[in-house]
Amino acid sequence: MDAADHGPGTFLAAMQKDFQAVYPKAKILQGIPAKGWQYVVYELCYGFDFVSIEFFFRGFLILALAQICGTHCIIPVACFYCTIHLGKPMGEAISSFWGGLLLGIIAYNTGSIWGGLLVHLGIAWLMEAMGWLVVLKSV
């Protein structure tokens, strides 16, 4: 599964008011005279945030706890992961449990966070792109 699989869902989410209130995250730069490269730097920094999220949730919590708990660590970690999405659009918060479950299973079975990181970055940047499409369409 890759970010392209989430295109139609992300497109439908982008039409929702709660999604439009949050994405694109880089719209906070609109209040200052920003150049195009500043948006690119912002998006790269935003993407780097997902590296730390994947290292913590899938690296530390799944791969480290798997040594102690085995597969029993996946569901509690997915629940914990879901809590960091509270306050975001409802569809994102609900789907984050299932995404966390899937990424936890992938990390557990591969022993790596890299597949999850690529999926997570792809989805995050796709949501940003869809947010920008909505913003540009409304101008």
N, C-alpha and C. Protein backbone atom coordinates (compact mmCIF):
# COMPACT_ATOMS: atom_id res chain seq x y z
N MET A 1 0.84 -1.17 0.00
CA MET A 1 0.00 0.00 0.00
C MET A 1 0.89 1.24 0.00
N ASP A 2 0.58 2.17 -0.84
CA ASP A 2 1.34 3.42 -0.85
C ASP A 2 0.37 4.59 -0.84
N ALA A 3 0.94 5.79 -0.84
CA ALA A 3 0.11 6.99 -0.73
C ALA A 3 -0.86 7.12 -1.90
N ALA A 4 -0.52 6.58 -3.06
CA ALA A 4 -1.41 6.67 -4.20
C ALA A 4 -2.73 5.94 -3.93
N ASP A 5 -2.70 4.91 -3.08
CA ASP A 5 -3.91 4.19 -2.72
C ASP A 5 -4.87 5.07 -1.93
N HIS A 6 -4.37 6.12 -1.32
CA HIS A 6 -5.19 6.99 -0.50
C HIS A 6 -5.69 8.21 -1.27
N GLY A 7 -5.35 8.34 -2.53
CA GLY A 7 -5.73 9.50 -3.33
C GLY A 7 -7.21 9.81 -3.31
N PRO A 8 -8.10 8.85 -3.67
CA PRO A 8 -9.54 9.14 -3.67
C PRO A 8 -10.06 9.51 -2.28
N GLY A 9 -9.62 8.80 -1.26
CA GLY A 9 -10.05 9.12 0.11
C GLY A 9 -9.58 10.49 0.54
N THR A 10 -8.34 10.82 0.19
CA THR A 10 -7.80 12.13 0.55
C THR A 10 -8.52 13.22 -0.23
N PHE A 11 -8.86 12.95 -1.48
CA PHE A 11 -9.60 13.92 -2.28
C PHE A 11 -10.97 14.19 -1.66
N LEU A 12 -11.66 13.13 -1.24
CA LEU A 12 -12.97 13.30 -0.60
C LEU A 12 -12.82 14.03 0.74
N ALA A 13 -11.79 13.70 1.49
CA ALA A 13 -11.55 14.38 2.76
C ALA A 13 -11.29 15.87 2.54
N ALA A 14 -10.58 16.19 1.46
CA ALA A 14 -10.22 17.58 1.18
C ALA A 14 -11.45 18.45 0.93
N MET A 15 -12.58 17.85 0.62
CA MET A 15 -13.80 18.61 0.39
C MET A 15 -14.53 18.94 1.70
N GLN A 16 -14.09 18.34 2.80
CA GLN A 16 -14.75 18.55 4.09
C GLN A 16 -14.23 19.82 4.76
N LYS A 17 -15.12 20.52 5.44
CA LYS A 17 -14.76 21.78 6.11
C LYS A 17 -13.71 21.58 7.20
N ASP A 18 -13.79 20.47 7.96
CA ASP A 18 -12.81 20.27 9.03
C ASP A 18 -11.42 20.03 8.46
N PHE A 19 -11.33 19.37 7.30
CA PHE A 19 -10.05 19.17 6.62
C PHE A 19 -9.50 20.51 6.14
N GLN A 20 -10.37 21.32 5.54
CA GLN A 20 -9.95 22.60 5.00
C GLN A 20 -9.49 23.57 6.09
N ALA A 21 -10.00 23.38 7.31
CA ALA A 21 -9.58 24.23 8.42
C ALA A 21 -8.16 23.90 8.88
N VAL A 22 -7.69 22.68 8.59
CA VAL A 22 -6.38 22.24 9.08
C VAL A 22 -5.31 22.23 7.98
N TYR A 23 -5.69 21.83 6.76
CA TYR A 23 -4.71 21.66 5.68
C TYR A 23 -4.92 22.69 4.58
N PRO A 24 -3.87 23.12 3.94
CA PRO A 24 -2.47 22.75 4.16
C PRO A 24 -1.91 23.43 5.40
N LYS A 25 -1.08 22.73 6.10
CA LYS A 25 -0.47 23.28 7.31
C LYS A 25 0.40 24.49 6.98
N ALA A 26 0.99 24.49 5.81
CA ALA A 26 1.90 25.58 5.41
C ALA A 26 1.16 26.89 5.16
N LYS A 27 -0.16 26.89 5.21
CA LYS A 27 -0.89 28.15 4.99
C LYS A 27 -0.61 29.16 6.10
N ILE A 28 0.00 28.71 7.20
CA ILE A 28 0.37 29.67 8.25
C ILE A 28 1.41 30.66 7.73
N LEU A 29 2.09 30.30 6.65
CA LEU A 29 3.07 31.22 6.06
C LEU A 29 2.41 32.32 5.26
N GLN A 30 1.11 32.21 5.00
CA GLN A 30 0.42 33.21 4.18
C GLN A 30 0.38 34.58 4.85
N GLY A 31 0.49 34.64 6.16
CA GLY A 31 0.44 35.91 6.86
C GLY A 31 1.73 36.69 6.77
N ILE A 32 2.80 36.05 6.33
CA ILE A 32 4.09 36.73 6.18
C ILE A 32 4.48 36.71 4.72
N PRO A 33 5.29 37.67 4.29
CA PRO A 33 5.69 37.65 2.87
C PRO A 33 6.65 36.48 2.60
N ALA A 34 6.09 35.35 2.20
CA ALA A 34 6.89 34.14 1.98
C ALA A 34 7.15 33.93 0.50
N LYS A 35 8.30 33.43 0.21
CA LYS A 35 8.67 33.05 -1.14
C LYS A 35 8.36 31.56 -1.33
N GLY A 36 8.36 31.11 -2.57
CA GLY A 36 8.08 29.70 -2.86
C GLY A 36 9.02 28.74 -2.17
N TRP A 37 10.30 29.10 -2.07
CA TRP A 37 11.27 28.20 -1.44
C TRP A 37 10.99 28.05 0.05
N GLN A 38 10.36 29.06 0.67
CA GLN A 38 10.03 28.96 2.09
C GLN A 38 8.94 27.91 2.32
N TYR A 39 8.02 27.78 1.38
CA TYR A 39 7.01 26.73 1.48
C TYR A 39 7.67 25.35 1.35
N VAL A 40 8.64 25.24 0.45
CA VAL A 40 9.35 23.97 0.28
C VAL A 40 10.11 23.61 1.56
N VAL A 41 10.79 24.58 2.15
CA VAL A 41 11.51 24.33 3.41
C VAL A 41 10.52 23.93 4.51
N TYR A 42 9.39 24.62 4.57
CA TYR A 42 8.37 24.29 5.56
C TYR A 42 7.91 22.84 5.38
N GLU A 43 7.60 22.45 4.15
CA GLU A 43 7.11 21.10 3.89
C GLU A 43 8.18 20.05 4.21
N LEU A 44 9.44 20.36 3.95
CA LEU A 44 10.52 19.41 4.31
C LEU A 44 10.62 19.25 5.82
N CYS A 45 10.50 20.35 6.55
CA CYS A 45 10.52 20.29 8.02
C CYS A 45 9.30 19.56 8.54
N TYR A 46 8.15 19.81 7.93
CA TYR A 46 6.92 19.10 8.30
C TYR A 46 7.11 17.60 8.07
N GLY A 47 7.72 17.25 6.95
CA GLY A 47 7.99 15.84 6.66
C GLY A 47 8.96 15.22 7.65
N PHE A 48 9.94 16.00 8.10
CA PHE A 48 10.92 15.48 9.05
C PHE A 48 10.25 15.10 10.37
N ASP A 49 9.17 15.78 10.71
CA ASP A 49 8.43 15.45 11.93
C ASP A 49 7.97 13.99 11.91
N PHE A 50 7.64 13.48 10.74
CA PHE A 50 7.16 12.10 10.63
C PHE A 50 8.28 11.09 10.85
N VAL A 51 9.52 11.51 10.64
CA VAL A 51 10.65 10.63 10.95
C VAL A 51 10.66 10.34 12.45
N SER A 52 10.52 11.39 13.26
CA SER A 52 10.52 11.18 14.71
C SER A 52 9.29 10.40 15.15
N ILE A 53 8.15 10.63 14.53
CA ILE A 53 6.93 9.88 14.87
C ILE A 53 7.13 8.40 14.58
N GLU A 54 7.66 8.08 13.42
CA GLU A 54 7.87 6.67 13.06
C GLU A 54 8.93 6.02 13.95
N PHE A 55 10.01 6.74 14.25
CA PHE A 55 11.02 6.18 15.14
C PHE A 55 10.42 5.88 16.51
N PHE A 56 9.57 6.78 17.02
CA PHE A 56 8.99 6.56 18.34
C PHE A 56 7.94 5.45 18.32
N PHE A 57 6.92 5.59 17.47
CA PHE A 57 5.81 4.64 17.50
C PHE A 57 6.16 3.28 16.92
N ARG A 58 6.76 3.25 15.74
CA ARG A 58 7.05 1.96 15.12
C ARG A 58 8.43 1.43 15.50
N GLY A 59 9.39 2.33 15.71
CA GLY A 59 10.72 1.88 16.09
C GLY A 59 10.80 1.50 17.55
N PHE A 60 10.58 2.48 18.43
CA PHE A 60 10.71 2.23 19.86
C PHE A 60 9.54 1.40 20.40
N LEU A 61 8.31 1.87 20.20
CA LEU A 61 7.18 1.19 20.83
C LEU A 61 6.86 -0.16 20.22
N ILE A 62 6.97 -0.31 18.91
CA ILE A 62 6.67 -1.62 18.32
C ILE A 62 7.89 -2.53 18.36
N LEU A 63 8.98 -2.10 17.75
CA LEU A 63 10.13 -3.00 17.63
C LEU A 63 10.79 -3.31 18.96
N ALA A 64 10.84 -2.33 19.86
CA ALA A 64 11.44 -2.60 21.17
C ALA A 64 10.49 -3.42 22.04
N LEU A 65 9.22 -3.04 22.09
CA LEU A 65 8.26 -3.78 22.92
C LEU A 65 7.96 -5.17 22.37
N ALA A 66 8.14 -5.37 21.08
CA ALA A 66 7.92 -6.69 20.50
C ALA A 66 8.84 -7.73 21.12
N GLN A 67 10.01 -7.28 21.56
CA GLN A 67 10.95 -8.19 22.22
C GLN A 67 10.38 -8.70 23.54
N ILE A 68 9.53 -7.89 24.16
CA ILE A 68 8.96 -8.23 25.47
C ILE A 68 7.56 -8.83 25.32
N CYS A 69 6.73 -8.18 24.50
CA CYS A 69 5.30 -8.53 24.42
C CYS A 69 4.91 -9.29 23.17
N GLY A 70 5.77 -9.36 22.19
CA GLY A 70 5.40 -9.96 20.92
C GLY A 70 4.36 -9.11 20.21
N THR A 71 3.44 -9.76 19.53
CA THR A 71 2.43 -9.04 18.76
C THR A 71 1.43 -8.29 19.63
N HIS A 72 1.41 -8.59 20.92
CA HIS A 72 0.46 -7.94 21.83
C HIS A 72 0.71 -6.45 21.98
N CYS A 73 1.84 -5.96 21.51
CA CYS A 73 2.12 -4.52 21.64
C CYS A 73 1.46 -3.70 20.53
N ILE A 74 1.03 -4.32 19.46
CA ILE A 74 0.56 -3.58 18.28
C ILE A 74 -0.73 -2.81 18.54
N ILE A 75 -1.74 -3.43 19.11
CA ILE A 75 -3.02 -2.74 19.33
C ILE A 75 -2.89 -1.60 20.33
N PRO A 76 -2.24 -1.78 21.50
CA PRO A 76 -2.10 -0.63 22.40
C PRO A 76 -1.32 0.53 21.78
N VAL A 77 -0.30 0.23 20.98
CA VAL A 77 0.46 1.29 20.33
C VAL A 77 -0.42 2.00 19.30
N ALA A 78 -1.26 1.26 18.57
CA ALA A 78 -2.18 1.88 17.60
C ALA A 78 -3.17 2.80 18.33
N CYS A 79 -3.63 2.39 19.51
CA CYS A 79 -4.53 3.24 20.31
C CYS A 79 -3.81 4.51 20.75
N PHE A 80 -2.60 4.36 21.24
CA PHE A 80 -1.80 5.51 21.66
C PHE A 80 -1.55 6.44 20.48
N TYR A 81 -1.21 5.86 19.33
CA TYR A 81 -0.97 6.62 18.11
C TYR A 81 -2.22 7.42 17.72
N CYS A 82 -3.39 6.81 17.89
CA CYS A 82 -4.65 7.48 17.57
C CYS A 82 -4.83 8.73 18.43
N THR A 83 -4.38 8.69 19.68
CA THR A 83 -4.59 9.85 20.56
C THR A 83 -3.86 11.09 20.09
N ILE A 84 -2.75 10.94 19.37
CA ILE A 84 -2.06 12.14 18.90
C ILE A 84 -2.78 12.78 17.71
N HIS A 85 -3.79 12.08 17.20
CA HIS A 85 -4.59 12.62 16.10
C HIS A 85 -5.90 13.25 16.58
N LEU A 86 -6.16 13.19 17.87
CA LEU A 86 -7.37 13.84 18.39
C LEU A 86 -7.22 15.34 18.21
N GLY A 87 -8.28 15.98 17.80
CA GLY A 87 -8.23 17.41 17.50
C GLY A 87 -8.00 17.68 16.03
N LYS A 88 -7.69 16.65 15.27
CA LYS A 88 -7.56 16.78 13.82
C LYS A 88 -8.92 16.43 13.22
N PRO A 89 -9.07 16.56 11.90
CA PRO A 89 -10.35 16.19 11.30
C PRO A 89 -10.78 14.78 11.73
N MET A 90 -12.09 14.59 11.96
CA MET A 90 -12.59 13.34 12.51
C MET A 90 -12.18 12.12 11.68
N GLY A 91 -12.27 12.23 10.36
CA GLY A 91 -11.89 11.11 9.50
C GLY A 91 -10.43 10.73 9.68
N GLU A 92 -9.58 11.73 9.86
CA GLU A 92 -8.15 11.47 10.07
C GLU A 92 -7.94 10.81 11.43
N ALA A 93 -8.63 11.30 12.45
CA ALA A 93 -8.47 10.73 13.79
C ALA A 93 -8.91 9.27 13.83
N ILE A 94 -10.05 8.97 13.21
CA ILE A 94 -10.55 7.59 13.21
C ILE A 94 -9.65 6.69 12.38
N SER A 95 -9.28 7.14 11.20
CA SER A 95 -8.45 6.30 10.34
C SER A 95 -7.03 6.13 10.88
N SER A 96 -6.61 7.01 11.77
CA SER A 96 -5.26 6.88 12.31
C SER A 96 -5.10 5.60 13.15
N PHE A 97 -6.18 5.14 13.78
CA PHE A 97 -6.09 3.87 14.50
C PHE A 97 -5.77 2.74 13.52
N TRP A 98 -6.54 2.70 12.42
CA TRP A 98 -6.35 1.62 11.45
C TRP A 98 -5.00 1.75 10.75
N GLY A 99 -4.60 2.99 10.45
CA GLY A 99 -3.28 3.20 9.87
C GLY A 99 -2.17 2.81 10.84
N GLY A 100 -2.33 3.17 12.11
CA GLY A 100 -1.35 2.80 13.12
C GLY A 100 -1.26 1.30 13.29
N LEU A 101 -2.40 0.63 13.21
CA LEU A 101 -2.44 -0.83 13.30
C LEU A 101 -1.69 -1.44 12.11
N LEU A 102 -1.99 -0.96 10.91
CA LEU A 102 -1.33 -1.47 9.71
C LEU A 102 0.18 -1.19 9.73
N LEU A 103 0.56 0.03 10.08
CA LEU A 103 1.98 0.36 10.11
C LEU A 103 2.71 -0.41 11.22
N GLY A 104 2.01 -0.67 12.33
CA GLY A 104 2.59 -1.49 13.39
C GLY A 104 2.82 -2.92 12.94
N ILE A 105 1.86 -3.48 12.21
CA ILE A 105 2.01 -4.84 11.68
C ILE A 105 3.16 -4.90 10.69
N ILE A 106 3.25 -3.89 9.83
CA ILE A 106 4.34 -3.85 8.84
C ILE A 106 5.69 -3.77 9.56
N ALA A 107 5.81 -2.88 10.54
CA ALA A 107 7.06 -2.73 11.28
C ALA A 107 7.41 -4.03 12.01
N TYR A 108 6.43 -4.64 12.63
CA TYR A 108 6.66 -5.88 13.36
C TYR A 108 7.16 -6.98 12.43
N ASN A 109 6.51 -7.12 11.27
CA ASN A 109 6.87 -8.20 10.34
C ASN A 109 8.15 -7.95 9.57
N THR A 110 8.48 -6.69 9.31
CA THR A 110 9.70 -6.40 8.54
C THR A 110 10.87 -6.07 9.44
N GLY A 111 10.59 -5.69 10.70
CA GLY A 111 11.66 -5.28 11.60
C GLY A 111 12.24 -3.92 11.23
N SER A 112 11.45 -3.13 10.50
CA SER A 112 11.94 -1.85 10.00
C SER A 112 10.82 -0.81 10.04
N ILE A 113 11.20 0.45 10.18
CA ILE A 113 10.22 1.54 10.14
C ILE A 113 10.13 2.18 8.76
N TRP A 114 11.01 1.82 7.84
CA TRP A 114 11.13 2.55 6.58
C TRP A 114 9.90 2.46 5.69
N GLY A 115 9.26 1.31 5.62
CA GLY A 115 8.03 1.21 4.83
C GLY A 115 6.95 2.12 5.37
N GLY A 116 6.78 2.10 6.69
CA GLY A 116 5.80 2.97 7.33
C GLY A 116 6.12 4.44 7.15
N LEU A 117 7.40 4.76 7.20
CA LEU A 117 7.81 6.15 7.02
C LEU A 117 7.44 6.63 5.62
N LEU A 118 7.71 5.82 4.61
CA LEU A 118 7.37 6.21 3.24
C LEU A 118 5.86 6.39 3.07
N VAL A 119 5.08 5.46 3.65
CA VAL A 119 3.62 5.58 3.56
C VAL A 119 3.15 6.84 4.28
N HIS A 120 3.66 7.06 5.48
CA HIS A 120 3.26 8.20 6.29
C HIS A 120 3.60 9.53 5.60
N LEU A 121 4.81 9.63 5.07
CA LEU A 121 5.20 10.85 4.35
C LEU A 121 4.34 11.05 3.11
N GLY A 122 4.09 9.97 2.39
CA GLY A 122 3.27 10.07 1.18
C GLY A 122 1.88 10.58 1.49
N ILE A 123 1.27 10.04 2.54
CA ILE A 123 -0.08 10.47 2.91
C ILE A 123 -0.06 11.92 3.39
N ALA A 124 0.91 12.27 4.23
CA ALA A 124 0.98 13.63 4.77
C ALA A 124 1.15 14.66 3.65
N TRP A 125 2.06 14.39 2.74
CA TRP A 125 2.29 15.36 1.65
C TRP A 125 1.13 15.36 0.66
N LEU A 126 0.47 14.22 0.50
CA LEU A 126 -0.72 14.18 -0.36
C LEU A 126 -1.83 15.03 0.26
N MET A 127 -1.98 14.96 1.58
CA MET A 127 -2.97 15.79 2.25
C MET A 127 -2.63 17.27 2.11
N GLU A 128 -1.36 17.60 2.21
CA GLU A 128 -0.93 18.99 1.98
C GLU A 128 -1.26 19.43 0.56
N ALA A 129 -0.95 18.58 -0.42
CA ALA A 129 -1.21 18.92 -1.82
C ALA A 129 -2.70 19.11 -2.06
N MET A 130 -3.51 18.23 -1.50
CA MET A 130 -4.97 18.37 -1.66
C MET A 130 -5.45 19.65 -0.98
N GLY A 131 -4.87 19.97 0.16
CA GLY A 131 -5.23 21.22 0.84
C GLY A 131 -4.90 22.42 -0.02
N TRP A 132 -3.74 22.39 -0.68
CA TRP A 132 -3.37 23.51 -1.56
C TRP A 132 -4.29 23.59 -2.77
N LEU A 133 -4.70 22.44 -3.31
CA LEU A 133 -5.62 22.47 -4.44
C LEU A 133 -6.93 23.16 -4.06
N VAL A 134 -7.42 22.87 -2.87
CA VAL A 134 -8.65 23.50 -2.41
C VAL A 134 -8.45 25.00 -2.23
N VAL A 135 -7.31 25.39 -1.62
CA VAL A 135 -7.03 26.81 -1.41
C VAL A 135 -6.92 27.53 -2.76
N LEU A 136 -6.19 26.95 -3.70
CA LEU A 136 -6.01 27.60 -5.01
C LEU A 136 -7.32 27.65 -5.80
N LYS A 137 -8.14 26.62 -5.64
CA LYS A 137 -9.42 26.60 -6.36
C LYS A 137 -10.35 27.68 -5.85
N SER A 138 -10.25 27.99 -4.55
CA SER A 138 -11.17 28.98 -3.96
C SER A 138 -10.71 30.42 -4.20
N VAL A 139 -9.51 30.61 -4.75
CA VAL A 139 -9.00 31.96 -5.00
C VAL A 139 -9.54 32.51 -6.29
